């Protein structure tokens, strides 16, 4: 095995990256924000999927996860936010997805009533108490099920 690895190390870097890409699982990377105001969580209802979801989206090219979630919250819900903790990575096998879930708060001067459907892809946004959640998406359920261990 060691001679094979040595030979692999002699390959040009671009070839090594292609080989690793072909043999490694590929994941889409997205971000979501768990935005709290008091005892309520901000959820969005998308025009293209059933149920309610944590606001967020796919990572843009050369975009950091934090920049992505801040952008998505502004674009989807019209609010400026800031992270209060490192992200919680949540993996989904089907579809293969890595979701970076951030604990977020509204920035200074931003009120919960400022949240609105700010994008054509969002039908409505609303604040919900954790014990009174509406029907939520599978990804949102995965994140919230993992959340107490992270946010404790």
Protein backbone atom coordinates (compact mmCIF):
# COMPACT_ATOMS: atom_id res chain seq x y z
CA UNK A 1 0.00 0.00 0.00
CA UNK A 2 2.83 2.44 0.82
CA UNK A 3 4.38 2.22 -2.71
CA UNK A 4 0.96 3.03 -4.21
CA UNK A 5 0.62 6.07 -1.97
CA UNK A 6 4.11 7.24 -2.91
CA UNK A 7 3.22 6.93 -6.60
CA UNK A 8 -0.02 8.77 -5.95
CA UNK A 9 2.01 11.57 -4.31
CA UNK A 10 4.08 11.94 -7.48
CA UNK A 11 1.01 12.70 -9.60
CA UNK A 12 0.28 16.35 -10.41
CA UNK A 13 -1.92 17.98 -7.78
CA UNK A 14 -4.80 18.49 -10.22
CA UNK A 15 -4.84 14.75 -11.02
CA UNK A 16 -4.73 13.83 -7.32
CA UNK A 17 -7.72 16.12 -6.68
CA UNK A 18 -9.71 14.51 -9.51
CA UNK A 19 -8.98 11.01 -8.22
CA UNK A 20 -10.00 11.98 -4.70
CA UNK A 21 -13.16 13.65 -6.06
CA UNK A 22 -14.15 10.51 -7.97
CA UNK A 23 -13.63 8.27 -4.98
CA UNK A 24 -15.08 10.48 -2.24
CA UNK A 25 -18.70 11.13 -1.39
CA UNK A 26 -19.96 14.46 -2.70
CA UNK A 27 -22.12 16.63 -0.48
CA UNK A 28 -24.03 19.79 -1.24
CA UNK A 29 -23.31 22.38 1.44
CA UNK A 30 -26.00 24.66 2.77
CA UNK A 31 -26.53 26.94 5.73
CA UNK A 32 -29.50 27.68 7.96
CA UNK A 33 -30.01 30.18 10.73
CA UNK A 34 -31.76 29.36 13.98
CA UNK A 35 -32.82 32.94 14.72
CA UNK A 36 -34.32 33.51 18.13
CA UNK A 37 -36.24 36.45 19.52
CA UNK A 38 -37.14 35.73 23.11
CA UNK A 39 -38.61 32.24 23.18
CA UNK A 40 -39.54 32.20 19.47
CA UNK A 41 -37.77 30.85 16.37
CA UNK A 42 -38.01 32.40 12.90
CA UNK A 43 -39.31 30.08 10.17
CA UNK A 44 -40.00 30.67 6.48
CA UNK A 45 -42.48 29.00 4.14
CA UNK A 46 -41.04 28.53 0.65
CA UNK A 47 -43.06 28.72 -2.55
CA UNK A 48 -41.52 25.52 -3.93
CA UNK A 49 -41.74 23.06 -1.00
CA UNK A 50 -44.32 22.08 1.59
CA UNK A 51 -44.03 22.99 5.24
CA UNK A 52 -41.95 25.56 7.07
CA UNK A 53 -38.16 25.73 7.18
CA UNK A 54 -35.33 27.45 8.93
CA UNK A 55 -34.21 30.27 6.63
CA UNK A 56 -31.07 29.51 4.65
CA UNK A 57 -29.76 28.21 1.39
CA UNK A 58 -26.88 26.81 -0.56
CA UNK A 59 -23.34 28.05 -0.12
CA UNK A 60 -22.27 30.38 -2.91
CA UNK A 61 -19.01 29.97 -4.80
CA UNK A 62 -16.09 31.08 -2.58
CA UNK A 63 -18.54 32.09 0.15
CA UNK A 64 -17.97 31.25 3.79
CA UNK A 65 -20.78 29.49 5.67
CA UNK A 66 -21.23 32.53 7.94
CA UNK A 67 -21.45 34.92 4.98
CA UNK A 68 -23.95 32.55 3.35
CA UNK A 69 -26.34 32.39 6.30
CA UNK A 70 -26.19 36.15 6.89
CA UNK A 71 -26.90 36.74 3.16
CA UNK A 72 -29.74 34.21 3.06
CA UNK A 73 -31.45 35.68 6.14
CA UNK A 74 -31.25 39.16 4.63
CA UNK A 75 -32.46 38.00 1.18
CA UNK A 76 -35.25 35.70 2.38
CA UNK A 77 -36.47 37.39 5.57
CA UNK A 78 -35.27 40.97 5.25
CA UNK A 79 -33.35 40.91 8.55
CA UNK A 80 -29.75 41.66 9.44
CA UNK A 81 -28.36 39.08 11.86
CA UNK A 82 -25.19 38.00 13.59
CA UNK A 83 -23.96 34.61 14.75
CA UNK A 84 -23.76 33.91 18.46
CA UNK A 85 -21.94 30.55 18.36
CA UNK A 86 -19.91 28.37 16.00
CA UNK A 87 -22.06 26.38 13.57
CA UNK A 88 -23.44 22.93 14.20
CA UNK A 89 -22.74 20.65 11.21
CA UNK A 90 -25.70 18.40 10.38
CA UNK A 91 -25.25 15.63 7.78
CA UNK A 92 -28.01 14.14 5.65
CA UNK A 93 -27.38 10.97 3.69
CA UNK A 94 -30.29 11.39 1.28
CA UNK A 95 -29.90 13.73 -0.40
CA UNK A 96 -26.23 13.95 0.46
CA UNK A 97 -26.08 17.29 2.18
CA UNK A 98 -24.08 19.07 4.84
CA UNK A 99 -26.02 21.82 6.59
CA UNK A 100 -24.12 24.31 8.70
CA UNK A 101 -26.66 25.47 11.30
CA UNK A 102 -25.89 28.75 13.01
CA UNK A 103 -27.38 30.15 16.20
CA UNK A 104 -28.25 33.71 15.17
CA UNK A 105 -29.66 36.84 16.73
CA UNK A 106 -31.10 39.97 15.21
CA UNK A 107 -28.53 42.75 14.83
CA UNK A 108 -28.81 45.87 16.99
CA UNK A 109 -31.76 47.99 15.93
CA UNK A 110 -33.55 45.13 14.13
CA UNK A 111 -36.92 44.13 15.58
CA UNK A 112 -38.73 40.79 15.20
CA UNK A 113 -41.52 42.68 13.41
CA UNK A 114 -38.97 43.64 10.69
CA UNK A 115 -38.97 40.01 9.43
CA UNK A 116 -40.95 39.68 6.22
CA UNK A 117 -41.08 37.58 3.07
CA UNK A 118 -38.38 39.47 1.17
CA UNK A 119 -37.89 37.13 -1.79
CA UNK A 120 -40.21 35.63 -4.42
CA UNK A 121 -39.22 32.19 -3.14
CA UNK A 122 -40.66 32.96 0.32
CA UNK A 123 -44.44 32.94 0.82
CA UNK A 124 -44.37 34.05 4.45
CA UNK A 125 -42.22 34.21 7.56
CA UNK A 126 -43.34 33.89 11.17
CA UNK A 127 -42.04 33.42 14.70
CA UNK A 128 -42.96 30.22 16.54
CA UNK A 129 -42.47 28.92 20.06
CA UNK A 130 -40.44 25.67 19.98
CA UNK A 131 -43.36 23.68 21.42
CA UNK A 132 -45.83 25.11 18.89
CA UNK A 133 -44.06 24.51 15.57
CA UNK A 134 -46.15 24.05 12.41
CA UNK A 135 -45.42 21.30 9.88
CA UNK A 136 -41.69 21.62 9.19
CA UNK A 137 -39.36 20.32 6.49
CA UNK A 138 -37.22 17.21 6.95
CA UNK A 139 -34.00 19.23 7.02
CA UNK A 140 -35.41 21.62 9.62
CA UNK A 141 -36.48 18.62 11.73
CA UNK A 142 -32.96 17.17 11.50
CA UNK A 143 -31.39 20.45 12.62
CA UNK A 144 -33.83 21.07 15.47
CA UNK A 145 -33.51 17.46 16.67
CA UNK A 146 -29.74 17.94 16.92
CA UNK A 147 -29.97 21.48 18.28
CA UNK A 148 -30.36 21.03 22.09
CA UNK A 149 -26.99 19.30 22.32
CA UNK A 150 -25.35 22.20 20.46
CA UNK A 151 -27.12 25.15 21.98
CA UNK A 152 -27.26 23.93 25.57
